[in-house]
């Protein structure tokens, strides 16, 4: 079992940056693909970015490509999401999630992730 705790959310102006962190506990972190999802009020939870267990492969939703960067440190058992050029539409609760497989399937959905953090709020003011 992997337990996930997110941090780094907050209030930022449009155009600004935030770095989210997700600390994982459990012995399977280094063999787990990890990802970030987000959920805005009244909307479904959506995929943002994912990274393979080794860190060699990354995956992004179209809305995140070119602005967000996912990375991981398998020594520190932590996955990060660097978010730049933030927009008001990025406002959401961001969730860290883990998968028992080392890679991501195409178009990953909520059902493809087995471990979830409690979420961290990101608010972008325009």
N, C-alpha and C. Protein backbone atom coordinates (compact mmCIF):
# COMPACT_ATOMS: atom_id res chain seq x y z
N UNK A 1 0.85 -1.19 0.00
CA UNK A 1 0.00 0.00 0.00
C UNK A 1 0.88 1.24 0.00
N UNK A 2 0.47 2.24 -0.75
CA UNK A 2 1.18 3.51 -0.81
C UNK A 2 0.26 4.59 -0.26
N UNK A 3 0.76 5.39 0.66
CA UNK A 3 0.01 6.53 1.18
C UNK A 3 0.63 7.80 0.62
N UNK A 4 -0.23 8.73 0.22
CA UNK A 4 0.22 9.93 -0.48
C UNK A 4 -0.25 11.18 0.25
N UNK A 5 0.67 12.15 0.38
CA UNK A 5 0.33 13.41 1.02
C UNK A 5 0.83 14.56 0.14
N UNK A 6 -0.12 15.36 -0.34
CA UNK A 6 0.23 16.49 -1.20
C UNK A 6 0.51 17.74 -0.38
N UNK A 7 1.29 18.63 -0.97
CA UNK A 7 1.54 19.94 -0.38
C UNK A 7 1.92 20.90 -1.50
N UNK A 8 1.91 22.20 -1.16
CA UNK A 8 2.36 23.20 -2.12
C UNK A 8 1.26 23.99 -2.80
N UNK A 9 0.03 23.63 -2.53
CA UNK A 9 -1.06 24.40 -3.13
C UNK A 9 -1.18 25.77 -2.50
N UNK A 10 -2.02 26.62 -3.09
CA UNK A 10 -2.21 27.95 -2.54
C UNK A 10 -2.86 28.87 -3.54
N UNK A 11 -2.78 30.15 -3.24
CA UNK A 11 -3.35 31.20 -4.08
C UNK A 11 -2.23 31.88 -4.85
N UNK A 12 -2.42 32.01 -6.15
CA UNK A 12 -1.41 32.63 -7.00
C UNK A 12 -2.11 33.45 -8.06
N UNK A 13 -1.46 34.50 -8.51
CA UNK A 13 -2.02 35.32 -9.58
C UNK A 13 -1.82 34.64 -10.94
N UNK A 14 -2.68 34.95 -11.86
CA UNK A 14 -2.55 34.43 -13.22
C UNK A 14 -1.16 34.79 -13.76
N UNK A 15 -0.54 33.82 -14.42
CA UNK A 15 0.81 34.00 -14.93
C UNK A 15 1.88 33.55 -13.98
N UNK A 16 1.50 33.28 -12.75
CA UNK A 16 2.46 32.85 -11.74
C UNK A 16 2.73 31.36 -11.79
N UNK A 17 3.50 30.91 -10.80
CA UNK A 17 3.93 29.51 -10.74
C UNK A 17 3.69 28.93 -9.36
N UNK A 18 3.50 27.63 -9.33
CA UNK A 18 3.43 26.87 -8.09
C UNK A 18 4.10 25.53 -8.32
N UNK A 19 4.64 24.97 -7.25
CA UNK A 19 5.21 23.63 -7.31
C UNK A 19 4.51 22.76 -6.29
N UNK A 20 3.83 21.75 -6.76
CA UNK A 20 3.18 20.80 -5.88
C UNK A 20 4.12 19.64 -5.60
N UNK A 21 4.04 19.14 -4.38
CA UNK A 21 4.82 17.97 -3.99
C UNK A 21 3.88 16.90 -3.46
N UNK A 22 4.29 15.67 -3.64
CA UNK A 22 3.51 14.54 -3.14
C UNK A 22 4.49 13.56 -2.51
N UNK A 23 4.43 13.47 -1.19
CA UNK A 23 5.29 12.55 -0.46
C UNK A 23 4.59 11.21 -0.31
N UNK A 24 5.30 10.15 -0.66
CA UNK A 24 4.72 8.82 -0.62
C UNK A 24 5.39 7.96 0.43
N UNK A 25 4.61 7.17 1.09
CA UNK A 25 5.16 6.17 2.01
C UNK A 25 4.78 4.80 1.49
N UNK A 26 5.63 3.86 1.75
CA UNK A 26 5.35 2.51 1.24
C UNK A 26 6.49 2.03 0.36
N UNK A 27 6.65 0.73 0.33
CA UNK A 27 7.81 0.16 -0.34
C UNK A 27 7.65 0.05 -1.84
N UNK A 28 6.45 0.32 -2.37
CA UNK A 28 6.22 0.10 -3.80
C UNK A 28 6.32 1.38 -4.62
N UNK A 29 6.72 2.50 -4.01
CA UNK A 29 6.73 3.77 -4.74
C UNK A 29 7.59 3.69 -5.99
N UNK A 30 8.77 3.14 -5.88
CA UNK A 30 9.70 3.14 -7.01
C UNK A 30 9.25 2.25 -8.15
N UNK A 31 8.26 1.41 -7.92
CA UNK A 31 7.73 0.55 -8.99
C UNK A 31 6.36 1.02 -9.47
N UNK A 32 5.93 2.18 -8.98
CA UNK A 32 4.60 2.70 -9.30
C UNK A 32 4.68 3.90 -10.23
N UNK A 33 3.88 3.87 -11.28
CA UNK A 33 3.67 5.09 -12.05
C UNK A 33 2.87 6.05 -11.18
N UNK A 34 3.17 7.32 -11.30
CA UNK A 34 2.52 8.33 -10.47
C UNK A 34 1.93 9.41 -11.36
N UNK A 35 0.89 10.06 -10.84
CA UNK A 35 0.26 11.09 -11.65
C UNK A 35 -0.41 12.16 -10.82
N UNK A 36 -0.82 13.20 -11.52
CA UNK A 36 -1.59 14.27 -10.92
C UNK A 36 -2.91 14.40 -11.67
N UNK A 37 -3.96 14.51 -10.91
CA UNK A 37 -5.29 14.79 -11.44
C UNK A 37 -5.79 16.07 -10.79
N UNK A 38 -6.83 16.64 -11.34
CA UNK A 38 -7.44 17.81 -10.70
C UNK A 38 -8.95 17.77 -10.87
N UNK A 39 -9.61 18.45 -9.95
CA UNK A 39 -11.07 18.51 -9.99
C UNK A 39 -11.53 19.91 -9.63
N UNK A 40 -12.16 20.56 -10.58
CA UNK A 40 -12.73 21.88 -10.36
C UNK A 40 -14.16 21.72 -9.87
N UNK A 41 -14.70 22.72 -9.20
CA UNK A 41 -16.08 22.63 -8.70
C UNK A 41 -17.06 22.32 -9.82
N UNK A 42 -17.89 21.31 -9.59
CA UNK A 42 -18.91 20.94 -10.56
C UNK A 42 -18.41 20.16 -11.75
N UNK A 43 -17.13 19.82 -11.74
CA UNK A 43 -16.57 19.08 -12.88
C UNK A 43 -16.01 17.74 -12.42
N UNK A 44 -15.80 16.86 -13.38
CA UNK A 44 -15.22 15.56 -13.08
C UNK A 44 -13.71 15.70 -12.85
N UNK A 45 -13.18 14.74 -12.12
CA UNK A 45 -11.75 14.70 -11.90
C UNK A 45 -11.07 14.35 -13.22
N UNK A 46 -10.03 15.11 -13.58
CA UNK A 46 -9.38 14.91 -14.87
C UNK A 46 -7.87 14.73 -14.72
N UNK A 47 -7.32 13.98 -15.64
CA UNK A 47 -5.89 13.72 -15.68
C UNK A 47 -5.14 15.00 -16.05
N UNK A 48 -4.01 15.23 -15.39
CA UNK A 48 -3.16 16.38 -15.69
C UNK A 48 -1.81 15.92 -16.23
N UNK A 49 -1.14 15.07 -15.48
CA UNK A 49 0.20 14.63 -15.87
C UNK A 49 0.52 13.31 -15.20
N UNK A 50 1.39 12.53 -15.84
CA UNK A 50 1.80 11.25 -15.28
C UNK A 50 3.27 11.00 -15.58
N UNK A 51 3.85 10.11 -14.78
CA UNK A 51 5.26 9.76 -14.95
C UNK A 51 5.44 8.28 -14.66
N UNK A 52 6.26 7.64 -15.45
CA UNK A 52 6.51 6.22 -15.25
C UNK A 52 7.31 5.98 -13.98
N UNK A 53 7.40 4.75 -13.55
CA UNK A 53 8.09 4.44 -12.31
C UNK A 53 9.56 4.85 -12.35
N UNK A 54 10.19 4.73 -13.50
CA UNK A 54 11.61 5.10 -13.64
C UNK A 54 11.81 6.60 -13.80
N UNK A 55 10.75 7.29 -14.21
CA UNK A 55 10.86 8.72 -14.49
C UNK A 55 11.23 9.03 -15.93
N UNK A 56 11.48 7.98 -16.71
CA UNK A 56 11.95 8.22 -18.08
C UNK A 56 10.83 8.64 -19.02
N UNK A 57 9.59 8.29 -18.68
CA UNK A 57 8.46 8.64 -19.55
C UNK A 57 7.49 9.54 -18.80
N UNK A 58 7.06 10.58 -19.48
CA UNK A 58 6.07 11.49 -18.90
C UNK A 58 4.90 11.64 -19.87
N UNK A 59 3.75 11.98 -19.31
CA UNK A 59 2.52 12.09 -20.07
C UNK A 59 1.78 13.33 -19.59
N UNK A 60 1.19 14.07 -20.53
CA UNK A 60 0.51 15.30 -20.16
C UNK A 60 -0.83 15.41 -20.87
N UNK A 61 -1.78 15.99 -20.17
CA UNK A 61 -3.02 16.40 -20.81
C UNK A 61 -2.71 17.61 -21.67
N UNK A 62 -3.53 17.83 -22.67
CA UNK A 62 -3.30 18.95 -23.56
C UNK A 62 -3.24 20.29 -22.84
N UNK A 63 -4.05 20.43 -21.80
CA UNK A 63 -4.10 21.69 -21.06
C UNK A 63 -2.83 21.95 -20.27
N UNK A 64 -2.07 20.90 -20.00
CA UNK A 64 -0.86 21.03 -19.19
C UNK A 64 0.41 21.08 -20.03
N UNK A 65 0.34 20.59 -21.22
CA UNK A 65 1.53 20.48 -22.05
C UNK A 65 2.16 21.85 -22.30
N UNK A 66 3.45 21.93 -22.06
CA UNK A 66 4.17 23.17 -22.28
C UNK A 66 4.18 24.11 -21.10
N UNK A 67 3.30 23.87 -20.13
CA UNK A 67 3.24 24.74 -18.94
C UNK A 67 3.59 24.00 -17.66
N UNK A 68 3.23 22.72 -17.59
CA UNK A 68 3.45 21.93 -16.38
C UNK A 68 4.55 20.91 -16.64
N UNK A 69 5.29 20.58 -15.58
CA UNK A 69 6.32 19.56 -15.66
C UNK A 69 6.19 18.63 -14.47
N UNK A 70 6.08 17.34 -14.74
CA UNK A 70 6.04 16.34 -13.68
C UNK A 70 7.41 15.71 -13.55
N UNK A 71 7.81 15.45 -12.32
CA UNK A 71 9.09 14.80 -12.08
C UNK A 71 8.97 13.97 -10.80
N UNK A 72 9.96 13.14 -10.55
CA UNK A 72 9.93 12.32 -9.35
C UNK A 72 11.34 12.09 -8.84
N UNK A 73 11.43 11.84 -7.56
CA UNK A 73 12.69 11.50 -6.91
C UNK A 73 12.45 10.20 -6.15
N UNK A 74 12.96 9.10 -6.69
CA UNK A 74 12.70 7.80 -6.09
C UNK A 74 13.52 7.55 -4.82
N UNK A 75 14.48 8.41 -4.55
CA UNK A 75 15.20 8.33 -3.27
C UNK A 75 14.38 8.98 -2.17
N UNK A 76 13.79 10.13 -2.51
CA UNK A 76 12.96 10.85 -1.54
C UNK A 76 11.52 10.39 -1.54
N UNK A 77 11.16 9.45 -2.41
CA UNK A 77 9.77 8.98 -2.51
C UNK A 77 8.81 10.15 -2.71
N UNK A 78 9.13 11.02 -3.63
CA UNK A 78 8.34 12.23 -3.85
C UNK A 78 8.14 12.46 -5.34
N UNK A 79 6.95 12.90 -5.69
CA UNK A 79 6.66 13.30 -7.06
C UNK A 79 6.26 14.77 -7.03
N UNK A 80 6.63 15.49 -8.06
CA UNK A 80 6.42 16.93 -8.12
C UNK A 80 5.60 17.31 -9.35
N UNK A 81 4.94 18.44 -9.25
CA UNK A 81 4.30 19.05 -10.41
C UNK A 81 4.64 20.53 -10.40
N UNK A 82 5.50 20.92 -11.32
CA UNK A 82 5.84 22.33 -11.48
C UNK A 82 4.84 22.94 -12.45
N UNK A 83 4.15 23.97 -12.00
CA UNK A 83 3.11 24.59 -12.81
C UNK A 83 3.49 26.04 -13.07
N UNK A 84 3.68 26.37 -14.34
CA UNK A 84 4.03 27.72 -14.75
C UNK A 84 2.92 28.33 -15.60
N UNK A 85 2.97 29.63 -15.77
CA UNK A 85 1.99 30.35 -16.60
C UNK A 85 0.57 29.95 -16.22
N UNK A 86 0.29 29.97 -14.95
CA UNK A 86 -1.01 29.51 -14.46
C UNK A 86 -2.14 30.42 -14.95
N UNK A 87 -3.28 29.79 -15.20
CA UNK A 87 -4.46 30.48 -15.67
C UNK A 87 -5.60 30.26 -14.67
N UNK A 88 -6.60 31.11 -14.76
CA UNK A 88 -7.73 30.97 -13.84
C UNK A 88 -8.40 29.61 -13.99
N UNK A 89 -8.38 29.07 -15.19
CA UNK A 89 -9.00 27.76 -15.41
C UNK A 89 -8.21 26.60 -14.82
N UNK A 90 -7.03 26.87 -14.30
CA UNK A 90 -6.27 25.85 -13.59
C UNK A 90 -6.73 25.71 -12.14
N UNK A 91 -7.61 26.58 -11.70
CA UNK A 91 -8.12 26.51 -10.33
C UNK A 91 -8.85 25.20 -10.11
N UNK A 92 -8.41 24.46 -9.10
CA UNK A 92 -8.99 23.14 -8.83
C UNK A 92 -8.32 22.56 -7.59
N UNK A 93 -8.87 21.47 -7.11
CA UNK A 93 -8.17 20.65 -6.13
C UNK A 93 -7.30 19.67 -6.92
N UNK A 94 -6.03 19.63 -6.58
CA UNK A 94 -5.08 18.77 -7.29
C UNK A 94 -4.79 17.55 -6.43
N UNK A 95 -4.91 16.38 -7.07
CA UNK A 95 -4.72 15.12 -6.38
C UNK A 95 -3.50 14.38 -6.94
N UNK A 96 -2.71 13.88 -6.04
CA UNK A 96 -1.63 12.97 -6.41
C UNK A 96 -2.20 11.56 -6.41
N UNK A 97 -1.76 10.76 -7.35
CA UNK A 97 -2.29 9.39 -7.44
C UNK A 97 -1.20 8.44 -7.90
N UNK A 98 -1.33 7.22 -7.49
CA UNK A 98 -0.37 6.20 -7.84
C UNK A 98 -1.02 4.98 -8.47
N UNK A 99 -0.23 4.25 -9.18
CA UNK A 99 -0.72 3.11 -9.94
C UNK A 99 0.17 1.92 -9.64
N UNK A 100 -0.41 0.75 -9.55
CA UNK A 100 0.38 -0.45 -9.23
C UNK A 100 1.24 -0.90 -10.40
N UNK A 101 1.03 -0.35 -11.57
CA UNK A 101 1.85 -0.67 -12.73
C UNK A 101 2.91 0.40 -12.92
N UNK A 102 4.02 0.10 -13.60
CA UNK A 102 5.10 1.09 -13.75
C UNK A 102 4.88 2.10 -14.88
N UNK A 103 3.82 1.95 -15.64
CA UNK A 103 3.59 2.82 -16.78
C UNK A 103 2.13 3.29 -16.79
N UNK A 104 1.84 4.24 -17.67
CA UNK A 104 0.49 4.77 -17.81
C UNK A 104 -0.15 4.24 -19.09
N UNK A 105 -1.44 3.95 -19.04
CA UNK A 105 -2.14 3.59 -20.28
C UNK A 105 -2.48 4.87 -21.06
N UNK A 106 -2.86 4.74 -22.32
CA UNK A 106 -3.33 5.92 -23.07
C UNK A 106 -4.59 6.49 -22.43
N UNK A 107 -4.71 7.81 -22.43
CA UNK A 107 -5.89 8.48 -21.88
C UNK A 107 -6.25 7.95 -20.49
N UNK A 108 -5.35 8.07 -19.51
CA UNK A 108 -5.63 7.52 -18.19
C UNK A 108 -6.81 8.20 -17.52
N UNK A 109 -7.58 7.39 -16.82
CA UNK A 109 -8.71 7.89 -16.08
C UNK A 109 -8.59 7.55 -14.62
N UNK A 110 -9.55 8.02 -13.85
CA UNK A 110 -9.53 7.80 -12.42
C UNK A 110 -9.42 6.31 -12.08
N UNK A 111 -10.09 5.50 -12.85
CA UNK A 111 -10.11 4.05 -12.58
C UNK A 111 -8.76 3.38 -12.76
N UNK A 112 -7.83 4.06 -13.41
CA UNK A 112 -6.51 3.47 -13.68
C UNK A 112 -5.52 3.69 -12.54
N UNK A 113 -5.92 4.47 -11.52
CA UNK A 113 -5.04 4.76 -10.39
C UNK A 113 -5.59 4.12 -9.13
N UNK A 114 -4.72 3.52 -8.35
CA UNK A 114 -5.17 2.77 -7.18
C UNK A 114 -4.95 3.51 -5.85
N UNK A 115 -4.01 4.46 -5.84
CA UNK A 115 -3.72 5.17 -4.60
C UNK A 115 -3.98 6.66 -4.81
N UNK A 116 -4.58 7.30 -3.82
CA UNK A 116 -4.94 8.72 -3.94
C UNK A 116 -4.57 9.48 -2.68
N UNK A 117 -4.09 10.71 -2.88
CA UNK A 117 -3.90 11.61 -1.76
C UNK A 117 -5.19 12.34 -1.46
N UNK A 118 -5.11 13.22 -0.46
CA UNK A 118 -6.30 13.93 -0.02
C UNK A 118 -6.58 15.19 -0.83
N UNK A 119 -5.63 15.63 -1.60
CA UNK A 119 -5.80 16.79 -2.46
C UNK A 119 -5.26 18.07 -1.86
N UNK A 120 -4.88 18.98 -2.73
CA UNK A 120 -4.43 20.30 -2.29
C UNK A 120 -5.05 21.34 -3.22
N UNK A 121 -5.54 22.41 -2.63
CA UNK A 121 -6.26 23.43 -3.40
C UNK A 121 -5.29 24.37 -4.10
N UNK A 122 -5.54 24.58 -5.37
CA UNK A 122 -4.80 25.59 -6.15
C UNK A 122 -5.84 26.60 -6.66
N UNK A 123 -5.62 27.85 -6.33
CA UNK A 123 -6.52 28.91 -6.76
C UNK A 123 -5.72 29.95 -7.53
N UNK A 124 -6.13 30.21 -8.76
CA UNK A 124 -5.45 31.18 -9.60
C UNK A 124 -6.38 32.37 -9.79
N UNK A 125 -5.94 33.52 -9.34
CA UNK A 125 -6.76 34.73 -9.45
C UNK A 125 -6.40 35.47 -10.74
N UNK A 126 -7.43 35.98 -11.39
CA UNK A 126 -7.20 36.68 -12.65
C UNK A 126 -7.11 38.18 -12.44
